[in-house]
Amino acid sequence: MDQIFIVLLSGGCGAVARYILTTWIGSKIGAYFPFGTLFVNVIGCFIMGFFMMLTTERFVVSTNIRLLVAVGFLGGLTTFSSFGYETMQFLREGNLVNAFMNMGANLFIGLLALWLGIIVAKLV
């Protein structure tokens, strides 16, 4: 039950962080493209790569710490379901350019950020 509580609380914190970041980015850049979703997915991928590399190959941390960060906070922060919905909206509107741009950017930049997180963690 403790682990469920850890995921519940940290997931809520990640969701609040996602809301704040996507709203702020949308207000600064505009809502014509889901830059906020792209940003949190990329940042979340980077943090996941960095954190998991450090905690699986460099440092020993408890299962609860991994649950707190990787499952809870990052699960609440990243927005794959929002990404899917926003991409589908572009497709429904017939906006294939933005739909494929959104898919490509989230997939490739997210994977690149994950890889960079691993590289940076190895350098620490």
N, C-alpha and C. Protein backbone atom coordinates (compact mmCIF):
# COMPACT_ATOMS: atom_id res chain seq x y z
N MET A 1 0.82 -1.20 0.00
CA MET A 1 0.00 0.00 0.00
C MET A 1 0.87 1.26 0.00
N ASP A 2 2.03 1.21 0.65
CA ASP A 2 2.93 2.36 0.66
C ASP A 2 3.36 2.75 -0.74
N GLN A 3 3.64 1.76 -1.58
CA GLN A 3 4.08 2.04 -2.94
C GLN A 3 2.98 2.70 -3.76
N ILE A 4 1.76 2.27 -3.57
CA ILE A 4 0.65 2.91 -4.28
C ILE A 4 0.52 4.36 -3.85
N PHE A 5 0.68 4.64 -2.58
CA PHE A 5 0.61 6.00 -2.06
C PHE A 5 1.74 6.86 -2.64
N ILE A 6 2.94 6.30 -2.75
CA ILE A 6 4.08 7.01 -3.34
C ILE A 6 3.76 7.40 -4.78
N VAL A 7 3.25 6.45 -5.56
CA VAL A 7 2.92 6.72 -6.97
C VAL A 7 1.78 7.74 -7.06
N LEU A 8 0.80 7.61 -6.21
CA LEU A 8 -0.33 8.54 -6.20
C LEU A 8 0.13 9.98 -5.97
N LEU A 9 0.91 10.18 -4.94
CA LEU A 9 1.36 11.55 -4.61
C LEU A 9 2.32 12.11 -5.64
N SER A 10 3.30 11.31 -6.04
CA SER A 10 4.28 11.83 -7.00
C SER A 10 3.67 11.98 -8.39
N GLY A 11 2.73 11.11 -8.75
CA GLY A 11 2.03 11.27 -10.03
C GLY A 11 1.21 12.54 -10.06
N GLY A 12 0.59 12.86 -8.93
CA GLY A 12 -0.15 14.12 -8.83
C GLY A 12 0.77 15.33 -8.99
N CYS A 13 1.94 15.25 -8.38
CA CYS A 13 2.91 16.35 -8.52
C CYS A 13 3.36 16.49 -9.97
N GLY A 14 3.59 15.35 -10.65
CA GLY A 14 3.98 15.39 -12.06
C GLY A 14 2.87 15.97 -12.93
N ALA A 15 1.63 15.62 -12.63
CA ALA A 15 0.50 16.15 -13.40
C ALA A 15 0.36 17.66 -13.20
N VAL A 16 0.55 18.12 -11.98
CA VAL A 16 0.49 19.57 -11.71
C VAL A 16 1.63 20.27 -12.45
N ALA A 17 2.83 19.69 -12.42
CA ALA A 17 3.96 20.28 -13.15
C ALA A 17 3.66 20.34 -14.64
N ARG A 18 3.06 19.27 -15.18
CA ARG A 18 2.70 19.26 -16.60
C ARG A 18 1.72 20.38 -16.91
N TYR A 19 0.70 20.53 -16.09
CA TYR A 19 -0.30 21.57 -16.32
C TYR A 19 0.35 22.96 -16.30
N ILE A 20 1.16 23.22 -15.31
CA ILE A 20 1.82 24.53 -15.19
C ILE A 20 2.72 24.78 -16.39
N LEU A 21 3.54 23.80 -16.76
CA LEU A 21 4.48 23.99 -17.88
C LEU A 21 3.76 24.14 -19.22
N THR A 22 2.78 23.28 -19.50
CA THR A 22 2.11 23.38 -20.80
C THR A 22 1.30 24.67 -20.91
N THR A 23 0.69 25.10 -19.83
CA THR A 23 -0.07 26.36 -19.83
C THR A 23 0.87 27.54 -20.04
N TRP A 24 1.98 27.53 -19.35
CA TRP A 24 2.94 28.63 -19.46
C TRP A 24 3.53 28.71 -20.87
N ILE A 25 3.93 27.55 -21.41
CA ILE A 25 4.51 27.54 -22.75
C ILE A 25 3.47 27.97 -23.78
N GLY A 26 2.24 27.50 -23.63
CA GLY A 26 1.17 27.91 -24.54
C GLY A 26 0.94 29.41 -24.50
N SER A 27 1.04 30.01 -23.33
CA SER A 27 0.84 31.45 -23.22
C SER A 27 1.99 32.24 -23.83
N LYS A 28 3.18 31.66 -23.86
CA LYS A 28 4.35 32.35 -24.40
C LYS A 28 4.51 32.14 -25.90
N ILE A 29 4.22 30.94 -26.38
CA ILE A 29 4.48 30.62 -27.78
C ILE A 29 3.21 30.65 -28.62
N GLY A 30 2.09 30.27 -28.02
CA GLY A 30 0.84 30.19 -28.75
C GLY A 30 0.36 28.76 -28.81
N ALA A 31 -0.90 28.59 -29.15
CA ALA A 31 -1.52 27.27 -29.12
C ALA A 31 -1.74 26.69 -30.51
N TYR A 32 -1.11 27.23 -31.55
CA TYR A 32 -1.31 26.72 -32.90
C TYR A 32 -0.64 25.37 -33.11
N PHE A 33 0.29 25.00 -32.22
CA PHE A 33 0.96 23.71 -32.23
C PHE A 33 1.19 23.32 -30.77
N PRO A 34 1.06 22.05 -30.40
CA PRO A 34 1.17 21.66 -28.99
C PRO A 34 2.63 21.63 -28.48
N PHE A 35 3.24 22.80 -28.45
CA PHE A 35 4.62 22.91 -27.98
C PHE A 35 4.76 22.51 -26.51
N GLY A 36 3.76 22.80 -25.69
CA GLY A 36 3.81 22.43 -24.28
C GLY A 36 3.90 20.93 -24.10
N THR A 37 3.09 20.19 -24.83
CA THR A 37 3.12 18.73 -24.77
C THR A 37 4.47 18.21 -25.25
N LEU A 38 4.95 18.76 -26.35
CA LEU A 38 6.26 18.37 -26.87
C LEU A 38 7.34 18.62 -25.82
N PHE A 39 7.30 19.78 -25.18
CA PHE A 39 8.30 20.15 -24.18
C PHE A 39 8.30 19.17 -23.01
N VAL A 40 7.13 18.89 -22.43
CA VAL A 40 7.11 18.00 -21.27
C VAL A 40 7.49 16.56 -21.65
N ASN A 41 7.14 16.13 -22.86
CA ASN A 41 7.55 14.80 -23.29
C ASN A 41 9.06 14.71 -23.46
N VAL A 42 9.66 15.73 -24.05
CA VAL A 42 11.11 15.74 -24.26
C VAL A 42 11.83 15.82 -22.92
N ILE A 43 11.41 16.73 -22.06
CA ILE A 43 12.04 16.87 -20.74
C ILE A 43 11.85 15.58 -19.93
N GLY A 44 10.65 15.02 -19.98
CA GLY A 44 10.39 13.77 -19.27
C GLY A 44 11.27 12.64 -19.77
N CYS A 45 11.46 12.55 -21.07
CA CYS A 45 12.34 11.52 -21.64
C CYS A 45 13.78 11.72 -21.18
N PHE A 46 14.24 12.96 -21.19
CA PHE A 46 15.60 13.25 -20.74
C PHE A 46 15.78 12.84 -19.28
N ILE A 47 14.84 13.27 -18.44
CA ILE A 47 14.94 12.95 -17.01
C ILE A 47 14.90 11.43 -16.80
N MET A 48 14.04 10.73 -17.54
CA MET A 48 13.95 9.28 -17.41
C MET A 48 15.28 8.63 -17.77
N GLY A 49 15.87 9.03 -18.88
CA GLY A 49 17.16 8.46 -19.28
C GLY A 49 18.24 8.74 -18.25
N PHE A 50 18.31 9.96 -17.80
CA PHE A 50 19.31 10.38 -16.82
C PHE A 50 19.12 9.62 -15.50
N PHE A 51 17.91 9.64 -15.00
CA PHE A 51 17.60 9.03 -13.70
C PHE A 51 17.82 7.52 -13.72
N MET A 52 17.30 6.85 -14.75
CA MET A 52 17.40 5.40 -14.78
C MET A 52 18.84 4.94 -15.00
N MET A 53 19.61 5.69 -15.78
CA MET A 53 21.02 5.33 -15.96
C MET A 53 21.75 5.45 -14.62
N LEU A 54 21.53 6.54 -13.91
CA LEU A 54 22.19 6.73 -12.63
C LEU A 54 21.76 5.69 -11.61
N THR A 55 20.49 5.36 -11.57
CA THR A 55 19.97 4.50 -10.50
C THR A 55 20.02 3.01 -10.84
N THR A 56 20.40 2.67 -12.05
CA THR A 56 20.55 1.25 -12.37
C THR A 56 22.01 0.87 -12.59
N GLU A 57 22.85 1.85 -12.93
CA GLU A 57 24.24 1.51 -13.24
C GLU A 57 25.27 2.24 -12.37
N ARG A 58 24.89 3.32 -11.72
CA ARG A 58 25.89 4.08 -10.96
C ARG A 58 25.63 4.10 -9.46
N PHE A 59 24.38 4.22 -9.06
CA PHE A 59 24.04 4.36 -7.65
C PHE A 59 22.93 3.38 -7.28
N VAL A 60 22.95 2.96 -6.04
CA VAL A 60 21.91 2.09 -5.53
C VAL A 60 20.84 2.96 -4.88
N VAL A 61 19.61 2.84 -5.35
CA VAL A 61 18.49 3.54 -4.73
C VAL A 61 17.39 2.53 -4.47
N SER A 62 16.52 2.86 -3.57
CA SER A 62 15.43 1.96 -3.22
C SER A 62 14.39 1.89 -4.34
N THR A 63 13.63 0.83 -4.32
CA THR A 63 12.52 0.69 -5.26
C THR A 63 11.54 1.85 -5.10
N ASN A 64 11.34 2.30 -3.88
CA ASN A 64 10.42 3.41 -3.64
C ASN A 64 10.87 4.69 -4.31
N ILE A 65 12.17 4.95 -4.34
CA ILE A 65 12.69 6.15 -5.02
C ILE A 65 12.45 6.03 -6.52
N ARG A 66 12.68 4.86 -7.08
CA ARG A 66 12.40 4.67 -8.51
C ARG A 66 10.92 4.84 -8.81
N LEU A 67 10.07 4.29 -7.95
CA LEU A 67 8.63 4.47 -8.13
C LEU A 67 8.26 5.94 -8.06
N LEU A 68 8.82 6.65 -7.11
CA LEU A 68 8.53 8.06 -6.92
C LEU A 68 8.84 8.87 -8.18
N VAL A 69 10.03 8.67 -8.74
CA VAL A 69 10.48 9.49 -9.87
C VAL A 69 9.97 8.94 -11.20
N ALA A 70 10.29 7.68 -11.51
CA ALA A 70 10.03 7.15 -12.84
C ALA A 70 8.56 6.82 -13.09
N VAL A 71 7.92 6.18 -12.15
CA VAL A 71 6.53 5.79 -12.35
C VAL A 71 5.59 6.93 -11.99
N GLY A 72 5.80 7.53 -10.81
CA GLY A 72 4.90 8.57 -10.33
C GLY A 72 5.10 9.91 -11.03
N PHE A 73 6.17 10.60 -10.68
CA PHE A 73 6.35 11.96 -11.18
C PHE A 73 6.43 12.01 -12.71
N LEU A 74 7.31 11.19 -13.30
CA LEU A 74 7.44 11.24 -14.76
C LEU A 74 6.21 10.70 -15.47
N GLY A 75 5.52 9.74 -14.84
CA GLY A 75 4.26 9.26 -15.41
C GLY A 75 3.20 10.34 -15.43
N GLY A 76 3.20 11.18 -14.40
CA GLY A 76 2.26 12.30 -14.36
C GLY A 76 2.69 13.45 -15.25
N LEU A 77 4.00 13.62 -15.41
CA LEU A 77 4.53 14.74 -16.19
C LEU A 77 4.37 14.53 -17.68
N THR A 78 4.76 13.38 -18.17
CA THR A 78 4.72 13.16 -19.61
C THR A 78 3.29 12.93 -20.07
N THR A 79 3.03 13.24 -21.30
CA THR A 79 1.64 13.32 -21.75
C THR A 79 1.41 12.57 -23.05
N PHE A 80 1.72 11.30 -23.05
CA PHE A 80 1.55 10.56 -24.29
C PHE A 80 0.10 10.52 -24.72
N SER A 81 -0.81 10.44 -23.76
CA SER A 81 -2.22 10.43 -24.14
C SER A 81 -2.64 11.76 -24.74
N SER A 82 -2.13 12.85 -24.20
CA SER A 82 -2.42 14.17 -24.78
C SER A 82 -1.82 14.26 -26.18
N PHE A 83 -0.62 13.75 -26.33
CA PHE A 83 0.03 13.73 -27.64
C PHE A 83 -0.84 12.99 -28.66
N GLY A 84 -1.36 11.83 -28.26
CA GLY A 84 -2.21 11.06 -29.17
C GLY A 84 -3.47 11.81 -29.56
N TYR A 85 -4.09 12.44 -28.59
CA TYR A 85 -5.31 13.20 -28.86
C TYR A 85 -5.03 14.38 -29.79
N GLU A 86 -3.97 15.13 -29.49
CA GLU A 86 -3.65 16.31 -30.30
C GLU A 86 -3.30 15.90 -31.73
N THR A 87 -2.58 14.79 -31.89
CA THR A 87 -2.25 14.30 -33.23
C THR A 87 -3.52 13.90 -33.96
N MET A 88 -4.42 13.20 -33.28
CA MET A 88 -5.67 12.78 -33.89
C MET A 88 -6.51 13.99 -34.30
N GLN A 89 -6.50 15.04 -33.50
CA GLN A 89 -7.23 16.26 -33.86
C GLN A 89 -6.69 16.85 -35.16
N PHE A 90 -5.37 16.90 -35.29
CA PHE A 90 -4.78 17.39 -36.54
C PHE A 90 -5.23 16.52 -37.71
N LEU A 91 -5.24 15.20 -37.53
CA LEU A 91 -5.67 14.30 -38.60
C LEU A 91 -7.13 14.50 -38.95
N ARG A 92 -7.97 14.67 -37.94
CA ARG A 92 -9.40 14.89 -38.17
C ARG A 92 -9.65 16.19 -38.92
N GLU A 93 -8.80 17.19 -38.65
CA GLU A 93 -8.92 18.48 -39.33
C GLU A 93 -8.31 18.45 -40.73
N GLY A 94 -7.67 17.33 -41.07
CA GLY A 94 -7.01 17.24 -42.36
C GLY A 94 -5.66 17.92 -42.39
N ASN A 95 -5.12 18.27 -41.24
CA ASN A 95 -3.84 18.95 -41.15
C ASN A 95 -2.72 17.92 -41.01
N LEU A 96 -2.40 17.28 -42.13
CA LEU A 96 -1.42 16.20 -42.12
C LEU A 96 -0.02 16.68 -41.77
N VAL A 97 0.32 17.89 -42.19
CA VAL A 97 1.66 18.42 -41.90
C VAL A 97 1.88 18.50 -40.39
N ASN A 98 0.95 19.13 -39.67
CA ASN A 98 1.11 19.25 -38.22
C ASN A 98 1.00 17.90 -37.53
N ALA A 99 0.14 17.01 -38.04
CA ALA A 99 0.01 15.69 -37.44
C ALA A 99 1.32 14.92 -37.52
N PHE A 100 1.93 14.89 -38.69
CA PHE A 100 3.19 14.16 -38.84
C PHE A 100 4.35 14.89 -38.18
N MET A 101 4.31 16.22 -38.17
CA MET A 101 5.33 16.98 -37.45
C MET A 101 5.26 16.65 -35.96
N ASN A 102 4.06 16.60 -35.41
CA ASN A 102 3.87 16.31 -34.00
C ASN A 102 4.35 14.89 -33.68
N MET A 103 4.00 13.93 -34.50
CA MET A 103 4.44 12.55 -34.27
C MET A 103 5.96 12.44 -34.35
N GLY A 104 6.52 13.00 -35.39
CA GLY A 104 7.98 12.91 -35.58
C GLY A 104 8.75 13.62 -34.49
N ALA A 105 8.30 14.83 -34.14
CA ALA A 105 9.02 15.60 -33.12
C ALA A 105 8.97 14.90 -31.77
N ASN A 106 7.80 14.44 -31.35
CA ASN A 106 7.70 13.76 -30.05
C ASN A 106 8.50 12.47 -30.04
N LEU A 107 8.43 11.70 -31.10
CA LEU A 107 9.14 10.43 -31.13
C LEU A 107 10.65 10.64 -31.21
N PHE A 108 11.11 11.35 -32.22
CA PHE A 108 12.55 11.45 -32.46
C PHE A 108 13.25 12.37 -31.46
N ILE A 109 12.67 13.52 -31.16
CA ILE A 109 13.31 14.40 -30.19
C ILE A 109 13.24 13.79 -28.79
N GLY A 110 12.12 13.11 -28.48
CA GLY A 110 12.01 12.43 -27.19
C GLY A 110 13.05 11.34 -27.03
N LEU A 111 13.25 10.51 -28.06
CA LEU A 111 14.27 9.47 -28.00
C LEU A 111 15.67 10.06 -27.93
N LEU A 112 15.89 11.15 -28.65
CA LEU A 112 17.18 11.84 -28.58
C LEU A 112 17.43 12.37 -27.17
N ALA A 113 16.41 12.95 -26.56
CA ALA A 113 16.56 13.47 -25.19
C ALA A 113 16.82 12.33 -24.21
N LEU A 114 16.16 11.19 -24.39
CA LEU A 114 16.41 10.03 -23.54
C LEU A 114 17.87 9.60 -23.66
N TRP A 115 18.36 9.51 -24.87
CA TRP A 115 19.75 9.13 -25.12
C TRP A 115 20.70 10.15 -24.51
N LEU A 116 20.40 11.44 -24.66
CA LEU A 116 21.25 12.48 -24.06
C LEU A 116 21.25 12.38 -22.54
N GLY A 117 20.10 12.05 -21.95
CA GLY A 117 20.04 11.86 -20.51
C GLY A 117 20.97 10.74 -20.07
N ILE A 118 21.00 9.66 -20.84
CA ILE A 118 21.90 8.55 -20.52
C ILE A 118 23.35 8.99 -20.64
N ILE A 119 23.69 9.72 -21.70
CA ILE A 119 25.06 10.19 -21.91
C ILE A 119 25.49 11.12 -20.77
N VAL A 120 24.64 12.08 -20.43
CA VAL A 120 24.97 13.01 -19.35
C VAL A 120 25.14 12.27 -18.03
N ALA A 121 24.28 11.29 -17.77
CA ALA A 121 24.39 10.52 -16.52
C ALA A 121 25.69 9.75 -16.46
N LYS A 122 26.15 9.25 -17.60
CA LYS A 122 27.43 8.53 -17.62
C LYS A 122 28.60 9.46 -17.33
N LEU A 123 28.46 10.74 -17.65
CA LEU A 123 29.53 11.71 -17.42
C LEU A 123 29.59 12.21 -15.99
N VAL A 124 28.52 12.01 -15.25
CA VAL A 124 28.44 12.52 -13.86
C VAL A 124 29.31 11.67 -12.96
